[in-house]
Amino acid sequence: MIFNTGSALLDAIVLAVVEHSAEGTYGYKITQDVRSVIDVSESTLYPVLRRLQKDDCLSVYDQECGGRNRRYYKITERGRVQLNLYRQEWHNYTHKINQLLLEQADATIDQGKK
């Protein structure tokens, strides 16, 4: 993707990914799910997870898996509130950008057909 991903957008994407799993999901799976949508490194995502945990948007617990502990993340009520705020802001933002980029382009294309 050629557009920069700001920290708020990255937070929103991570919260949305974690929200999809009711029991929580582990760090590596989160990075894979996020990376399926945007190009971001693991070294970028783990600080995001820690910040969201510090801000009480994610809770963390460890669970044994194959003889090793795996760290799981689960969205909190505060995280859901924050995610809903991000969703509303994203809707407003994309609506304005789409009006500017797409509706003007559609008008230009329509004029070219005449």
N, C-alpha and C. Protein backbone atom coordinates (compact mmCIF):
# COMPACT_ATOMS: atom_id res chain seq x y z
N MET A 1 0.85 -1.18 0.00
CA MET A 1 0.00 0.00 0.00
C MET A 1 0.89 1.23 0.00
N ILE A 2 0.55 2.21 -0.80
CA ILE A 2 1.38 3.40 -0.90
C ILE A 2 1.02 4.46 0.12
N PHE A 3 -0.12 4.32 0.79
CA PHE A 3 -0.53 5.30 1.78
C PHE A 3 0.06 4.94 3.14
N ASN A 4 0.50 5.95 3.88
CA ASN A 4 1.05 5.71 5.21
C ASN A 4 -0.04 5.25 6.17
N THR A 5 0.36 4.40 7.10
CA THR A 5 -0.55 3.92 8.13
C THR A 5 -0.19 4.59 9.44
N GLY A 6 -1.04 5.47 9.92
CA GLY A 6 -0.80 6.16 11.17
C GLY A 6 -1.07 5.25 12.36
N SER A 7 -0.66 5.71 13.53
CA SER A 7 -0.80 4.87 14.72
C SER A 7 -2.26 4.62 15.08
N ALA A 8 -3.13 5.60 14.88
CA ALA A 8 -4.55 5.39 15.20
C ALA A 8 -5.16 4.32 14.30
N LEU A 9 -4.81 4.36 13.02
CA LEU A 9 -5.34 3.35 12.09
C LEU A 9 -4.79 1.97 12.46
N LEU A 10 -3.54 1.90 12.80
CA LEU A 10 -2.94 0.63 13.20
C LEU A 10 -3.60 0.10 14.48
N ASP A 11 -3.84 0.98 15.44
CA ASP A 11 -4.55 0.59 16.66
C ASP A 11 -5.93 0.04 16.32
N ALA A 12 -6.64 0.71 15.43
CA ALA A 12 -7.98 0.29 15.05
C ALA A 12 -7.95 -1.09 14.39
N ILE A 13 -7.00 -1.31 13.51
CA ILE A 13 -6.90 -2.60 12.82
C ILE A 13 -6.60 -3.71 13.82
N VAL A 14 -5.66 -3.47 14.74
CA VAL A 14 -5.32 -4.48 15.74
C VAL A 14 -6.53 -4.78 16.62
N LEU A 15 -7.22 -3.76 17.09
CA LEU A 15 -8.40 -3.99 17.92
C LEU A 15 -9.46 -4.78 17.16
N ALA A 16 -9.66 -4.48 15.89
CA ALA A 16 -10.65 -5.20 15.09
C ALA A 16 -10.25 -6.67 14.93
N VAL A 17 -8.98 -6.92 14.71
CA VAL A 17 -8.49 -8.30 14.58
C VAL A 17 -8.71 -9.07 15.87
N VAL A 18 -8.37 -8.45 17.00
CA VAL A 18 -8.52 -9.13 18.29
C VAL A 18 -10.00 -9.33 18.62
N GLU A 19 -10.83 -8.38 18.26
CA GLU A 19 -12.27 -8.49 18.54
C GLU A 19 -12.89 -9.71 17.87
N HIS A 20 -12.36 -10.13 16.74
CA HIS A 20 -12.93 -11.26 15.99
C HIS A 20 -12.83 -12.58 16.74
N SER A 21 -11.94 -12.66 17.73
CA SER A 21 -11.79 -13.90 18.49
C SER A 21 -12.33 -13.70 19.91
N ALA A 22 -13.42 -14.34 20.22
CA ALA A 22 -14.08 -14.15 21.52
C ALA A 22 -13.18 -14.57 22.69
N GLU A 23 -12.40 -15.63 22.50
CA GLU A 23 -11.54 -16.12 23.58
C GLU A 23 -10.19 -15.43 23.61
N GLY A 24 -9.90 -14.61 22.63
CA GLY A 24 -8.60 -13.97 22.53
C GLY A 24 -7.76 -14.65 21.47
N THR A 25 -6.70 -14.01 21.09
CA THR A 25 -5.82 -14.54 20.07
C THR A 25 -4.38 -14.19 20.42
N TYR A 26 -3.45 -14.93 19.92
CA TYR A 26 -2.05 -14.75 20.28
C TYR A 26 -1.31 -13.83 19.31
N GLY A 27 -0.20 -13.32 19.78
CA GLY A 27 0.54 -12.29 19.07
C GLY A 27 0.89 -12.61 17.63
N TYR A 28 1.43 -13.79 17.38
CA TYR A 28 1.83 -14.14 16.02
C TYR A 28 0.63 -14.16 15.08
N LYS A 29 -0.49 -14.70 15.54
CA LYS A 29 -1.72 -14.74 14.72
C LYS A 29 -2.21 -13.32 14.43
N ILE A 30 -2.11 -12.45 15.41
CA ILE A 30 -2.51 -11.05 15.21
C ILE A 30 -1.65 -10.44 14.11
N THR A 31 -0.33 -10.65 14.19
CA THR A 31 0.55 -10.06 13.18
C THR A 31 0.23 -10.61 11.79
N GLN A 32 -0.06 -11.89 11.68
CA GLN A 32 -0.40 -12.47 10.38
C GLN A 32 -1.71 -11.90 9.84
N ASP A 33 -2.70 -11.75 10.72
CA ASP A 33 -3.99 -11.20 10.28
C ASP A 33 -3.86 -9.73 9.86
N VAL A 34 -3.09 -8.96 10.61
CA VAL A 34 -2.88 -7.55 10.26
C VAL A 34 -2.10 -7.47 8.95
N ARG A 35 -1.09 -8.30 8.81
CA ARG A 35 -0.25 -8.27 7.60
C ARG A 35 -1.01 -8.72 6.36
N SER A 36 -2.13 -9.40 6.53
CA SER A 36 -2.94 -9.78 5.36
C SER A 36 -3.67 -8.57 4.80
N VAL A 37 -3.72 -7.49 5.58
CA VAL A 37 -4.44 -6.28 5.18
C VAL A 37 -3.48 -5.15 4.82
N ILE A 38 -2.44 -4.98 5.63
CA ILE A 38 -1.46 -3.92 5.40
C ILE A 38 -0.06 -4.47 5.59
N ASP A 39 0.89 -3.84 4.96
CA ASP A 39 2.28 -4.26 5.05
C ASP A 39 2.92 -3.62 6.28
N VAL A 40 3.13 -4.43 7.31
CA VAL A 40 3.70 -3.94 8.55
C VAL A 40 4.54 -5.05 9.16
N SER A 41 5.62 -4.67 9.83
CA SER A 41 6.52 -5.67 10.41
C SER A 41 6.07 -6.07 11.81
N GLU A 42 6.53 -7.25 12.24
CA GLU A 42 6.25 -7.69 13.60
C GLU A 42 6.81 -6.70 14.61
N SER A 43 7.97 -6.15 14.32
CA SER A 43 8.60 -5.22 15.25
C SER A 43 7.78 -3.95 15.42
N THR A 44 6.92 -3.66 14.48
CA THR A 44 6.01 -2.52 14.60
C THR A 44 4.78 -2.89 15.42
N LEU A 45 4.31 -4.12 15.28
CA LEU A 45 3.05 -4.51 15.91
C LEU A 45 3.17 -4.79 17.41
N TYR A 46 4.27 -5.37 17.85
CA TYR A 46 4.36 -5.71 19.27
C TYR A 46 4.32 -4.47 20.18
N PRO A 47 4.96 -3.36 19.81
CA PRO A 47 4.77 -2.14 20.62
C PRO A 47 3.32 -1.65 20.62
N VAL A 48 2.60 -1.84 19.53
CA VAL A 48 1.18 -1.47 19.46
C VAL A 48 0.39 -2.32 20.46
N LEU A 49 0.66 -3.62 20.48
CA LEU A 49 -0.02 -4.50 21.44
C LEU A 49 0.27 -4.07 22.88
N ARG A 50 1.52 -3.75 23.17
CA ARG A 50 1.88 -3.31 24.53
C ARG A 50 1.19 -2.00 24.89
N ARG A 51 1.14 -1.06 23.94
CA ARG A 51 0.48 0.22 24.20
C ARG A 51 -1.01 0.04 24.44
N LEU A 52 -1.66 -0.80 23.63
CA LEU A 52 -3.08 -1.05 23.80
C LEU A 52 -3.36 -1.75 25.13
N GLN A 53 -2.43 -2.60 25.55
CA GLN A 53 -2.57 -3.24 26.86
C GLN A 53 -2.42 -2.20 27.96
N LYS A 54 -1.43 -1.34 27.84
CA LYS A 54 -1.19 -0.30 28.84
C LYS A 54 -2.40 0.65 28.94
N ASP A 55 -3.05 0.91 27.80
CA ASP A 55 -4.21 1.80 27.77
C ASP A 55 -5.50 1.08 28.16
N ASP A 56 -5.39 -0.17 28.60
CA ASP A 56 -6.52 -0.98 29.05
C ASP A 56 -7.52 -1.28 27.92
N CYS A 57 -7.02 -1.32 26.69
CA CYS A 57 -7.86 -1.70 25.56
C CYS A 57 -7.76 -3.20 25.28
N LEU A 58 -6.67 -3.81 25.75
CA LEU A 58 -6.47 -5.24 25.62
C LEU A 58 -6.08 -5.82 26.97
N SER A 59 -6.58 -7.01 27.26
CA SER A 59 -6.09 -7.76 28.41
C SER A 59 -5.19 -8.87 27.87
N VAL A 60 -4.31 -9.36 28.73
CA VAL A 60 -3.31 -10.34 28.30
C VAL A 60 -3.32 -11.52 29.27
N TYR A 61 -3.20 -12.70 28.72
CA TYR A 61 -3.01 -13.88 29.56
C TYR A 61 -2.12 -14.87 28.80
N ASP A 62 -1.41 -15.71 29.56
CA ASP A 62 -0.54 -16.72 28.98
C ASP A 62 -1.21 -18.07 29.07
N GLN A 63 -0.98 -18.88 28.04
CA GLN A 63 -1.54 -20.23 28.02
C GLN A 63 -0.50 -21.16 27.42
N GLU A 64 -0.38 -22.34 28.00
CA GLU A 64 0.58 -23.32 27.51
C GLU A 64 0.10 -23.91 26.19
N CYS A 65 1.02 -24.00 25.25
CA CYS A 65 0.71 -24.57 23.94
C CYS A 65 1.95 -25.31 23.45
N GLY A 66 1.86 -26.63 23.38
CA GLY A 66 2.98 -27.41 22.89
C GLY A 66 4.22 -27.30 23.76
N GLY A 67 4.02 -27.22 25.05
CA GLY A 67 5.15 -27.13 25.98
C GLY A 67 5.71 -25.73 26.16
N ARG A 68 5.13 -24.76 25.49
CA ARG A 68 5.60 -23.37 25.61
C ARG A 68 4.42 -22.48 25.96
N ASN A 69 4.73 -21.38 26.61
CA ASN A 69 3.68 -20.40 26.90
C ASN A 69 3.45 -19.53 25.69
N ARG A 70 2.19 -19.27 25.43
CA ARG A 70 1.80 -18.40 24.33
C ARG A 70 1.01 -17.25 24.96
N ARG A 71 1.34 -16.02 24.57
CA ARG A 71 0.65 -14.85 25.11
C ARG A 71 -0.57 -14.54 24.25
N TYR A 72 -1.72 -14.48 24.91
CA TYR A 72 -2.99 -14.20 24.25
C TYR A 72 -3.47 -12.80 24.61
N TYR A 73 -4.13 -12.18 23.66
CA TYR A 73 -4.69 -10.84 23.83
C TYR A 73 -6.19 -10.91 23.63
N LYS A 74 -6.91 -10.20 24.48
CA LYS A 74 -8.37 -10.17 24.40
C LYS A 74 -8.81 -8.71 24.53
N ILE A 75 -9.79 -8.32 23.73
CA ILE A 75 -10.26 -6.94 23.77
C ILE A 75 -11.06 -6.71 25.06
N THR A 76 -10.88 -5.57 25.67
CA THR A 76 -11.61 -5.20 26.89
C THR A 76 -12.81 -4.33 26.51
N GLU A 77 -13.63 -4.03 27.50
CA GLU A 77 -14.77 -3.14 27.24
C GLU A 77 -14.27 -1.76 26.78
N ARG A 78 -13.22 -1.28 27.40
CA ARG A 78 -12.63 -0.01 26.98
C ARG A 78 -12.12 -0.10 25.54
N GLY A 79 -11.56 -1.24 25.18
CA GLY A 79 -11.10 -1.46 23.81
C GLY A 79 -12.24 -1.44 22.82
N ARG A 80 -13.38 -2.01 23.20
CA ARG A 80 -14.56 -2.00 22.32
C ARG A 80 -15.07 -0.57 22.11
N VAL A 81 -15.08 0.20 23.19
CA VAL A 81 -15.50 1.60 23.07
C VAL A 81 -14.56 2.34 22.13
N GLN A 82 -13.26 2.13 22.30
CA GLN A 82 -12.27 2.79 21.45
C GLN A 82 -12.42 2.35 20.00
N LEU A 83 -12.63 1.05 19.78
CA LEU A 83 -12.80 0.53 18.43
C LEU A 83 -14.03 1.13 17.77
N ASN A 84 -15.12 1.26 18.51
CA ASN A 84 -16.33 1.88 17.94
C ASN A 84 -16.08 3.34 17.57
N LEU A 85 -15.31 4.04 18.39
CA LEU A 85 -14.93 5.41 18.05
C LEU A 85 -14.10 5.43 16.77
N TYR A 86 -13.13 4.53 16.67
CA TYR A 86 -12.32 4.43 15.44
C TYR A 86 -13.19 4.13 14.23
N ARG A 87 -14.15 3.24 14.40
CA ARG A 87 -15.04 2.89 13.27
C ARG A 87 -15.83 4.10 12.79
N GLN A 88 -16.35 4.87 13.73
CA GLN A 88 -17.11 6.06 13.36
C GLN A 88 -16.22 7.08 12.66
N GLU A 89 -15.02 7.29 13.20
CA GLU A 89 -14.08 8.23 12.59
C GLU A 89 -13.67 7.74 11.20
N TRP A 90 -13.44 6.43 11.06
CA TRP A 90 -13.06 5.87 9.76
C TRP A 90 -14.18 6.08 8.75
N HIS A 91 -15.41 5.85 9.17
CA HIS A 91 -16.55 6.05 8.27
C HIS A 91 -16.59 7.51 7.79
N ASN A 92 -16.47 8.45 8.71
CA ASN A 92 -16.50 9.87 8.34
C ASN A 92 -15.34 10.23 7.42
N TYR A 93 -14.16 9.75 7.76
CA TYR A 93 -12.95 10.05 6.98
C TYR A 93 -13.06 9.48 5.56
N THR A 94 -13.40 8.20 5.46
CA THR A 94 -13.46 7.59 4.13
C THR A 94 -14.58 8.19 3.29
N HIS A 95 -15.68 8.57 3.92
CA HIS A 95 -16.77 9.21 3.18
C HIS A 95 -16.27 10.50 2.52
N LYS A 96 -15.56 11.32 3.29
CA LYS A 96 -15.04 12.59 2.74
C LYS A 96 -14.01 12.35 1.65
N ILE A 97 -13.11 11.40 1.87
CA ILE A 97 -12.07 11.10 0.88
C ILE A 97 -12.72 10.53 -0.39
N ASN A 98 -13.67 9.63 -0.22
CA ASN A 98 -14.36 9.06 -1.38
C ASN A 98 -15.08 10.12 -2.19
N GLN A 99 -15.69 11.07 -1.50
CA GLN A 99 -16.35 12.16 -2.21
C GLN A 99 -15.34 12.92 -3.06
N LEU A 100 -14.22 13.21 -2.48
CA LEU A 100 -13.21 13.98 -3.19
C LEU A 100 -12.57 13.19 -4.33
N LEU A 101 -12.15 11.98 -4.05
CA LEU A 101 -11.41 11.20 -5.05
C LEU A 101 -12.31 10.50 -6.06
N LEU A 102 -13.38 9.89 -5.60
CA LEU A 102 -14.16 9.02 -6.48
C LEU A 102 -15.30 9.72 -7.17
N GLU A 103 -16.04 10.56 -6.47
CA GLU A 103 -17.18 11.19 -7.11
C GLU A 103 -16.74 12.17 -8.20
N GLN A 104 -15.64 12.88 -7.96
CA GLN A 104 -15.13 13.77 -9.01
C GLN A 104 -14.61 12.95 -10.18
N ALA A 105 -13.99 11.81 -9.88
CA ALA A 105 -13.49 10.94 -10.95
C ALA A 105 -14.66 10.37 -11.75
N ASP A 106 -15.72 9.98 -11.06
CA ASP A 106 -16.91 9.47 -11.75
C ASP A 106 -17.50 10.53 -12.67
N ALA A 107 -17.56 11.77 -12.21
CA ALA A 107 -18.09 12.86 -13.03
C ALA A 107 -17.22 13.06 -14.28
N THR A 108 -15.91 12.99 -14.09
CA THR A 108 -14.98 13.15 -15.21
C THR A 108 -15.17 12.02 -16.22
N ILE A 109 -15.31 10.80 -15.74
CA ILE A 109 -15.52 9.65 -16.61
C ILE A 109 -16.84 9.79 -17.36
N ASP A 110 -17.89 10.21 -16.64
CA ASP A 110 -19.20 10.41 -17.28
C ASP A 110 -19.13 11.48 -18.38
N GLN A 111 -18.38 12.55 -18.14
CA GLN A 111 -18.24 13.60 -19.16
C GLN A 111 -17.51 13.08 -20.38
N GLY A 112 -16.56 12.18 -20.16
CA GLY A 112 -15.80 11.61 -21.28
C GLY A 112 -16.64 10.69 -22.15
N LYS A 113 -17.71 10.16 -21.60
CA LYS A 113 -18.59 9.24 -22.35
C LYS A 113 -19.54 9.99 -23.26
N LYS A 114 -19.74 11.28 -23.01
CA LYS A 114 -20.69 12.05 -23.80
C LYS A 114 -20.12 12.49 -25.12
